[in-house]
Amino acid sequence: MAPNSVSIAEAYFEPKAWFRAIYSGEEPAGFAMVWRDPAEGLFYIWRFMVDAGFQGRGVGRRALELLVDEALADGADEVTLSVVPGANSALGFYQSFGFGPTGVVHGGEQELKLVLAGRASGTGSG
C-alpha cells in the first residue's frame, strides 16, 4: 500500500482522482481515494485504509458506506476495487459488505465489485 503522501501526490496529477481523510469523531483514522468518472458511471476505490487502532470498530464500514453513497450520487452502477488476498487481507471485510470477485487479477490483486442496483443512499450493505 502506498503511503498517503504518495497517493495525494498522484491525485494532483490525475483529474479523476478524489480523496478524503477518514475520521472517527475528531481523530484521523484513515484515508480513502477513488478514481471517479460520473460521465461514464465509473467508481473505482483506488486506496482505502483504516489505521490498525480503529479497525474492528465500524470506522471502515461507515467510511465504505459513505463511498457507496458517493458512487450512487455519481450514478455509478457498481463500485470496483482490488485487494491482495492472503493473511491479514481485507478480502473478508469487503466480501462481508457485498463485494464479489470479478475474476480479474491485477498484479496479484484480486478485483472485486459491488453492484449498486437496488441500493439506497446511506444504507451501506443492507
N, C-alpha and C. Protein backbone atom coordinates (compact mmCIF):
# COMPACT_ATOMS: atom_id res chain seq x y z
N MET A 1 0.86 -1.18 0.00
CA MET A 1 0.00 0.00 0.00
C MET A 1 0.90 1.23 0.00
N ALA A 2 0.58 2.13 -0.90
CA ALA A 2 1.37 3.36 -1.00
C ALA A 2 1.09 4.27 0.20
N PRO A 3 2.09 5.00 0.66
CA PRO A 3 1.86 5.97 1.74
C PRO A 3 0.84 7.03 1.28
N ASN A 4 0.13 7.60 2.22
CA ASN A 4 -0.87 8.61 1.88
C ASN A 4 -0.26 9.78 1.13
N SER A 5 0.95 10.17 1.47
CA SER A 5 1.59 11.29 0.79
C SER A 5 1.77 10.99 -0.70
N VAL A 6 2.10 9.75 -1.05
CA VAL A 6 2.25 9.35 -2.45
C VAL A 6 0.88 9.39 -3.13
N SER A 7 -0.14 8.88 -2.46
CA SER A 7 -1.49 8.89 -3.01
C SER A 7 -1.96 10.31 -3.30
N ILE A 8 -1.72 11.21 -2.38
CA ILE A 8 -2.13 12.61 -2.56
C ILE A 8 -1.38 13.23 -3.73
N ALA A 9 -0.09 12.96 -3.83
CA ALA A 9 0.69 13.47 -4.96
C ALA A 9 0.15 12.92 -6.28
N GLU A 10 -0.16 11.63 -6.32
CA GLU A 10 -0.73 11.03 -7.52
C GLU A 10 -2.05 11.70 -7.89
N ALA A 11 -2.85 11.99 -6.89
CA ALA A 11 -4.18 12.57 -7.13
C ALA A 11 -4.08 13.94 -7.78
N TYR A 12 -3.05 14.69 -7.47
CA TYR A 12 -2.90 16.02 -8.07
C TYR A 12 -2.56 15.96 -9.55
N PHE A 13 -2.14 14.80 -10.03
CA PHE A 13 -1.83 14.63 -11.45
C PHE A 13 -2.87 13.79 -12.18
N GLU A 14 -3.91 13.36 -11.48
CA GLU A 14 -4.99 12.58 -12.09
C GLU A 14 -6.30 13.33 -11.86
N PRO A 15 -6.85 13.95 -12.90
CA PRO A 15 -8.05 14.77 -12.71
C PRO A 15 -9.27 14.02 -12.20
N LYS A 16 -9.31 12.72 -12.36
CA LYS A 16 -10.48 11.96 -11.90
C LYS A 16 -10.28 11.37 -10.51
N ALA A 17 -9.17 11.69 -9.88
CA ALA A 17 -8.92 11.21 -8.51
C ALA A 17 -9.63 12.13 -7.52
N TRP A 18 -10.12 11.52 -6.45
CA TRP A 18 -10.85 12.23 -5.38
C TRP A 18 -10.42 11.56 -4.09
N PHE A 19 -9.98 12.32 -3.10
CA PHE A 19 -9.52 11.71 -1.85
C PHE A 19 -10.05 12.46 -0.64
N ARG A 20 -10.16 11.69 0.46
CA ARG A 20 -10.66 12.23 1.72
C ARG A 20 -9.98 11.53 2.89
N ALA A 21 -9.83 12.26 3.98
CA ALA A 21 -9.40 11.64 5.23
C ALA A 21 -10.61 10.96 5.86
N ILE A 22 -10.35 9.92 6.61
CA ILE A 22 -11.38 9.22 7.36
C ILE A 22 -11.18 9.57 8.83
N TYR A 23 -12.23 10.04 9.47
CA TYR A 23 -12.15 10.41 10.88
C TYR A 23 -13.09 9.56 11.71
N SER A 24 -12.70 9.35 12.95
CA SER A 24 -13.56 8.77 13.96
C SER A 24 -13.72 9.86 15.01
N GLY A 25 -14.85 10.53 14.98
CA GLY A 25 -15.01 11.71 15.83
C GLY A 25 -14.05 12.78 15.36
N GLU A 26 -13.18 13.22 16.24
CA GLU A 26 -12.20 14.25 15.90
C GLU A 26 -10.83 13.66 15.54
N GLU A 27 -10.71 12.33 15.61
CA GLU A 27 -9.41 11.69 15.38
C GLU A 27 -9.25 11.18 13.96
N PRO A 28 -8.13 11.50 13.30
CA PRO A 28 -7.89 10.92 11.98
C PRO A 28 -7.73 9.41 12.11
N ALA A 29 -8.45 8.67 11.27
CA ALA A 29 -8.47 7.22 11.39
C ALA A 29 -8.10 6.49 10.10
N GLY A 30 -8.01 7.21 8.98
CA GLY A 30 -7.70 6.53 7.74
C GLY A 30 -7.73 7.46 6.55
N PHE A 31 -7.73 6.85 5.36
CA PHE A 31 -7.63 7.59 4.11
C PHE A 31 -8.35 6.81 3.02
N ALA A 32 -9.04 7.54 2.16
CA ALA A 32 -9.70 6.92 1.01
C ALA A 32 -9.43 7.76 -0.23
N MET A 33 -9.19 7.08 -1.34
CA MET A 33 -9.02 7.76 -2.61
C MET A 33 -9.70 6.92 -3.68
N VAL A 34 -10.47 7.59 -4.52
CA VAL A 34 -11.17 6.89 -5.59
C VAL A 34 -10.84 7.54 -6.93
N TRP A 35 -11.04 6.78 -7.97
CA TRP A 35 -10.99 7.27 -9.34
C TRP A 35 -12.43 7.26 -9.79
N ARG A 36 -12.96 8.44 -10.05
CA ARG A 36 -14.38 8.53 -10.38
C ARG A 36 -14.58 9.30 -11.67
N ASP A 37 -15.52 8.81 -12.45
CA ASP A 37 -15.89 9.45 -13.70
C ASP A 37 -17.41 9.39 -13.83
N PRO A 38 -18.11 10.38 -13.26
CA PRO A 38 -19.57 10.35 -13.29
C PRO A 38 -20.14 10.30 -14.71
N ALA A 39 -19.47 10.93 -15.66
CA ALA A 39 -19.96 10.92 -17.04
C ALA A 39 -20.02 9.50 -17.60
N GLU A 40 -19.11 8.65 -17.15
CA GLU A 40 -19.06 7.26 -17.60
C GLU A 40 -19.67 6.29 -16.59
N GLY A 41 -20.04 6.80 -15.40
CA GLY A 41 -20.60 5.94 -14.36
C GLY A 41 -19.59 5.02 -13.72
N LEU A 42 -18.31 5.45 -13.71
CA LEU A 42 -17.24 4.62 -13.15
C LEU A 42 -16.84 5.11 -11.77
N PHE A 43 -16.65 4.17 -10.86
CA PHE A 43 -16.25 4.50 -9.49
C PHE A 43 -15.36 3.36 -8.99
N TYR A 44 -14.05 3.64 -8.90
CA TYR A 44 -13.06 2.65 -8.50
C TYR A 44 -12.38 3.11 -7.21
N ILE A 45 -12.44 2.30 -6.17
CA ILE A 45 -11.75 2.64 -4.92
C ILE A 45 -10.27 2.29 -5.12
N TRP A 46 -9.49 3.33 -5.25
CA TRP A 46 -8.07 3.22 -5.59
C TRP A 46 -7.25 2.93 -4.34
N ARG A 47 -7.55 3.63 -3.26
CA ARG A 47 -6.88 3.40 -1.98
C ARG A 47 -7.92 3.49 -0.87
N PHE A 48 -7.81 2.58 0.09
CA PHE A 48 -8.72 2.61 1.24
C PHE A 48 -7.98 2.00 2.40
N MET A 49 -7.74 2.81 3.42
CA MET A 49 -7.03 2.28 4.58
C MET A 49 -7.57 2.87 5.86
N VAL A 50 -7.61 2.01 6.87
CA VAL A 50 -8.02 2.41 8.21
C VAL A 50 -6.90 2.01 9.16
N ASP A 51 -6.47 2.94 9.97
CA ASP A 51 -5.41 2.69 10.95
C ASP A 51 -5.76 1.49 11.81
N ALA A 52 -4.77 0.68 12.11
CA ALA A 52 -4.99 -0.55 12.89
C ALA A 52 -5.72 -0.27 14.20
N GLY A 53 -5.46 0.85 14.83
CA GLY A 53 -6.10 1.18 16.10
C GLY A 53 -7.59 1.44 15.99
N PHE A 54 -8.08 1.65 14.76
CA PHE A 54 -9.50 1.92 14.55
C PHE A 54 -10.22 0.75 13.88
N GLN A 55 -9.48 -0.27 13.51
CA GLN A 55 -10.10 -1.41 12.85
C GLN A 55 -10.93 -2.21 13.85
N GLY A 56 -12.01 -2.79 13.34
CA GLY A 56 -12.90 -3.58 14.19
C GLY A 56 -13.87 -2.74 15.01
N ARG A 57 -13.92 -1.44 14.74
CA ARG A 57 -14.80 -0.53 15.49
C ARG A 57 -15.88 0.10 14.61
N GLY A 58 -16.03 -0.39 13.38
CA GLY A 58 -17.06 0.12 12.48
C GLY A 58 -16.65 1.33 11.66
N VAL A 59 -15.45 1.82 11.86
CA VAL A 59 -14.98 3.01 11.15
C VAL A 59 -14.86 2.73 9.65
N GLY A 60 -14.23 1.62 9.30
CA GLY A 60 -14.06 1.27 7.90
C GLY A 60 -15.39 1.01 7.21
N ARG A 61 -16.29 0.32 7.89
CA ARG A 61 -17.60 0.03 7.31
C ARG A 61 -18.36 1.33 7.04
N ARG A 62 -18.33 2.25 7.99
CA ARG A 62 -19.03 3.53 7.79
C ARG A 62 -18.39 4.32 6.66
N ALA A 63 -17.07 4.34 6.60
CA ALA A 63 -16.38 5.05 5.51
C ALA A 63 -16.74 4.43 4.16
N LEU A 64 -16.82 3.11 4.10
CA LEU A 64 -17.19 2.43 2.87
C LEU A 64 -18.64 2.75 2.49
N GLU A 65 -19.52 2.83 3.48
CA GLU A 65 -20.91 3.24 3.21
C GLU A 65 -20.95 4.63 2.58
N LEU A 66 -20.13 5.54 3.09
CA LEU A 66 -20.10 6.90 2.55
C LEU A 66 -19.54 6.91 1.12
N LEU A 67 -18.57 6.05 0.85
CA LEU A 67 -18.07 5.94 -0.53
C LEU A 67 -19.15 5.41 -1.46
N VAL A 68 -19.91 4.44 -1.01
CA VAL A 68 -21.01 3.91 -1.82
C VAL A 68 -22.04 5.01 -2.07
N ASP A 69 -22.31 5.84 -1.08
CA ASP A 69 -23.21 6.98 -1.27
C ASP A 69 -22.69 7.90 -2.37
N GLU A 70 -21.38 8.15 -2.39
CA GLU A 70 -20.77 8.98 -3.44
C GLU A 70 -20.96 8.34 -4.80
N ALA A 71 -20.75 7.04 -4.88
CA ALA A 71 -20.91 6.32 -6.15
C ALA A 71 -22.36 6.41 -6.63
N LEU A 72 -23.31 6.25 -5.72
CA LEU A 72 -24.72 6.37 -6.06
C LEU A 72 -25.03 7.78 -6.57
N ALA A 73 -24.48 8.78 -5.90
CA ALA A 73 -24.69 10.17 -6.32
C ALA A 73 -24.12 10.42 -7.71
N ASP A 74 -23.05 9.71 -8.05
CA ASP A 74 -22.44 9.82 -9.38
C ASP A 74 -23.25 9.09 -10.44
N GLY A 75 -24.18 8.24 -10.02
CA GLY A 75 -24.94 7.44 -10.97
C GLY A 75 -24.23 6.18 -11.40
N ALA A 76 -23.24 5.75 -10.63
CA ALA A 76 -22.49 4.53 -10.96
C ALA A 76 -23.37 3.30 -10.76
N ASP A 77 -23.15 2.29 -11.58
CA ASP A 77 -23.86 1.02 -11.47
C ASP A 77 -23.17 0.05 -10.53
N GLU A 78 -21.86 0.28 -10.33
CA GLU A 78 -21.08 -0.60 -9.47
C GLU A 78 -19.88 0.15 -8.93
N VAL A 79 -19.32 -0.41 -7.86
CA VAL A 79 -18.07 0.08 -7.28
C VAL A 79 -17.07 -1.06 -7.43
N THR A 80 -15.88 -0.74 -7.91
CA THR A 80 -14.85 -1.76 -8.02
C THR A 80 -13.66 -1.36 -7.17
N LEU A 81 -12.86 -2.36 -6.83
CA LEU A 81 -11.61 -2.18 -6.08
C LEU A 81 -10.78 -3.43 -6.28
N SER A 82 -9.56 -3.39 -5.80
CA SER A 82 -8.74 -4.61 -5.83
C SER A 82 -8.12 -4.80 -4.46
N VAL A 83 -7.84 -6.06 -4.14
CA VAL A 83 -7.33 -6.41 -2.82
C VAL A 83 -6.32 -7.55 -2.96
N VAL A 84 -5.30 -7.51 -2.14
CA VAL A 84 -4.32 -8.59 -2.11
C VAL A 84 -4.86 -9.69 -1.21
N PRO A 85 -5.09 -10.88 -1.74
CA PRO A 85 -5.58 -11.97 -0.88
C PRO A 85 -4.46 -12.50 0.02
N GLY A 86 -4.83 -13.20 1.06
CA GLY A 86 -3.84 -13.82 1.94
C GLY A 86 -4.03 -13.39 3.38
N ALA A 87 -3.05 -13.74 4.20
CA ALA A 87 -3.08 -13.41 5.63
C ALA A 87 -3.17 -11.90 5.80
N ASN A 88 -3.97 -11.47 6.74
CA ASN A 88 -4.19 -10.06 7.06
C ASN A 88 -4.81 -9.26 5.92
N SER A 89 -5.45 -9.93 4.99
CA SER A 89 -6.09 -9.28 3.85
C SER A 89 -7.43 -8.67 4.27
N ALA A 90 -7.83 -7.63 3.55
CA ALA A 90 -9.14 -7.02 3.77
C ALA A 90 -10.22 -7.72 2.94
N LEU A 91 -9.88 -8.81 2.28
CA LEU A 91 -10.82 -9.53 1.42
C LEU A 91 -12.11 -9.88 2.16
N GLY A 92 -12.02 -10.44 3.34
CA GLY A 92 -13.20 -10.81 4.11
C GLY A 92 -14.07 -9.61 4.46
N PHE A 93 -13.44 -8.49 4.78
CA PHE A 93 -14.17 -7.26 5.09
C PHE A 93 -15.00 -6.84 3.88
N TYR A 94 -14.37 -6.81 2.70
CA TYR A 94 -15.09 -6.38 1.50
C TYR A 94 -16.19 -7.38 1.13
N GLN A 95 -15.92 -8.66 1.29
CA GLN A 95 -16.95 -9.66 1.00
C GLN A 95 -18.13 -9.52 1.96
N SER A 96 -17.88 -9.22 3.22
CA SER A 96 -18.97 -9.05 4.18
C SER A 96 -19.83 -7.84 3.84
N PHE A 97 -19.29 -6.92 3.08
CA PHE A 97 -20.01 -5.73 2.66
C PHE A 97 -20.82 -6.00 1.39
N GLY A 98 -20.51 -7.10 0.71
CA GLY A 98 -21.24 -7.44 -0.51
C GLY A 98 -20.42 -7.45 -1.78
N PHE A 99 -19.14 -7.13 -1.68
CA PHE A 99 -18.27 -7.17 -2.85
C PHE A 99 -18.01 -8.63 -3.23
N GLY A 100 -17.95 -8.87 -4.53
CA GLY A 100 -17.67 -10.21 -5.03
C GLY A 100 -16.60 -10.16 -6.10
N PRO A 101 -15.93 -11.29 -6.33
CA PRO A 101 -14.84 -11.33 -7.31
C PRO A 101 -15.35 -11.14 -8.74
N THR A 102 -14.54 -10.46 -9.55
CA THR A 102 -14.85 -10.30 -10.97
C THR A 102 -14.13 -11.35 -11.80
N GLY A 103 -13.14 -12.02 -11.21
CA GLY A 103 -12.32 -12.96 -11.96
C GLY A 103 -11.09 -12.31 -12.56
N VAL A 104 -10.96 -11.00 -12.41
CA VAL A 104 -9.81 -10.26 -12.94
C VAL A 104 -8.76 -10.12 -11.84
N VAL A 105 -7.49 -10.31 -12.21
CA VAL A 105 -6.37 -10.13 -11.28
C VAL A 105 -5.43 -9.09 -11.88
N HIS A 106 -5.06 -8.09 -11.09
CA HIS A 106 -4.14 -7.03 -11.49
C HIS A 106 -2.90 -7.11 -10.62
N GLY A 107 -1.78 -7.52 -11.17
CA GLY A 107 -0.54 -7.54 -10.41
C GLY A 107 -0.65 -8.27 -9.08
N GLY A 108 -1.36 -9.37 -9.04
CA GLY A 108 -1.54 -10.14 -7.82
C GLY A 108 -2.70 -9.69 -6.95
N GLU A 109 -3.36 -8.61 -7.34
CA GLU A 109 -4.52 -8.12 -6.59
C GLU A 109 -5.80 -8.59 -7.26
N GLN A 110 -6.70 -9.15 -6.47
CA GLN A 110 -7.97 -9.66 -6.95
C GLN A 110 -8.96 -8.50 -7.06
N GLU A 111 -9.57 -8.34 -8.23
CA GLU A 111 -10.57 -7.29 -8.40
C GLU A 111 -11.91 -7.76 -7.85
N LEU A 112 -12.59 -6.86 -7.15
CA LEU A 112 -13.91 -7.11 -6.58
C LEU A 112 -14.86 -6.02 -7.06
N LYS A 113 -16.14 -6.35 -7.11
CA LYS A 113 -17.13 -5.32 -7.44
C LYS A 113 -18.35 -5.46 -6.54
N LEU A 114 -18.99 -4.33 -6.35
CA LEU A 114 -20.23 -4.25 -5.61
C LEU A 114 -21.27 -3.67 -6.56
N VAL A 115 -22.29 -4.43 -6.87
CA VAL A 115 -23.35 -3.96 -7.76
C VAL A 115 -24.28 -3.06 -6.94
N LEU A 116 -24.57 -1.88 -7.48
CA LEU A 116 -25.33 -0.88 -6.74
C LEU A 116 -26.83 -0.91 -7.03
N ALA A 117 -27.27 -1.66 -8.00
CA ALA A 117 -28.69 -1.71 -8.35
C ALA A 117 -29.51 -2.08 -7.11
N GLY A 118 -30.53 -1.29 -6.83
CA GLY A 118 -31.41 -1.56 -5.70
C GLY A 118 -30.93 -1.02 -4.37
N ARG A 119 -29.76 -0.40 -4.35
CA ARG A 119 -29.24 0.16 -3.10
C ARG A 119 -29.75 1.59 -2.94
N ALA A 120 -30.08 1.94 -1.73
CA ALA A 120 -30.47 3.31 -1.42
C ALA A 120 -29.30 4.00 -0.74
N SER A 121 -29.19 5.27 -0.92
CA SER A 121 -28.13 6.06 -0.30
C SER A 121 -28.19 5.92 1.22
N GLY A 122 -27.01 5.77 1.83
CA GLY A 122 -26.92 5.69 3.30
C GLY A 122 -27.19 4.34 3.90
N THR A 123 -27.43 3.33 3.05
CA THR A 123 -27.78 2.03 3.59
C THR A 123 -26.62 1.07 3.70
N GLY A 124 -25.47 1.44 3.12
CA GLY A 124 -24.33 0.52 3.20
C GLY A 124 -24.66 -0.80 2.59
N SER A 125 -24.48 -1.88 3.33
CA SER A 125 -24.64 -3.22 2.78
C SER A 125 -26.07 -3.75 2.88
N GLY A 126 -26.98 -2.99 3.38
CA GLY A 126 -28.30 -3.54 3.56
C GLY A 126 -29.31 -2.88 2.77
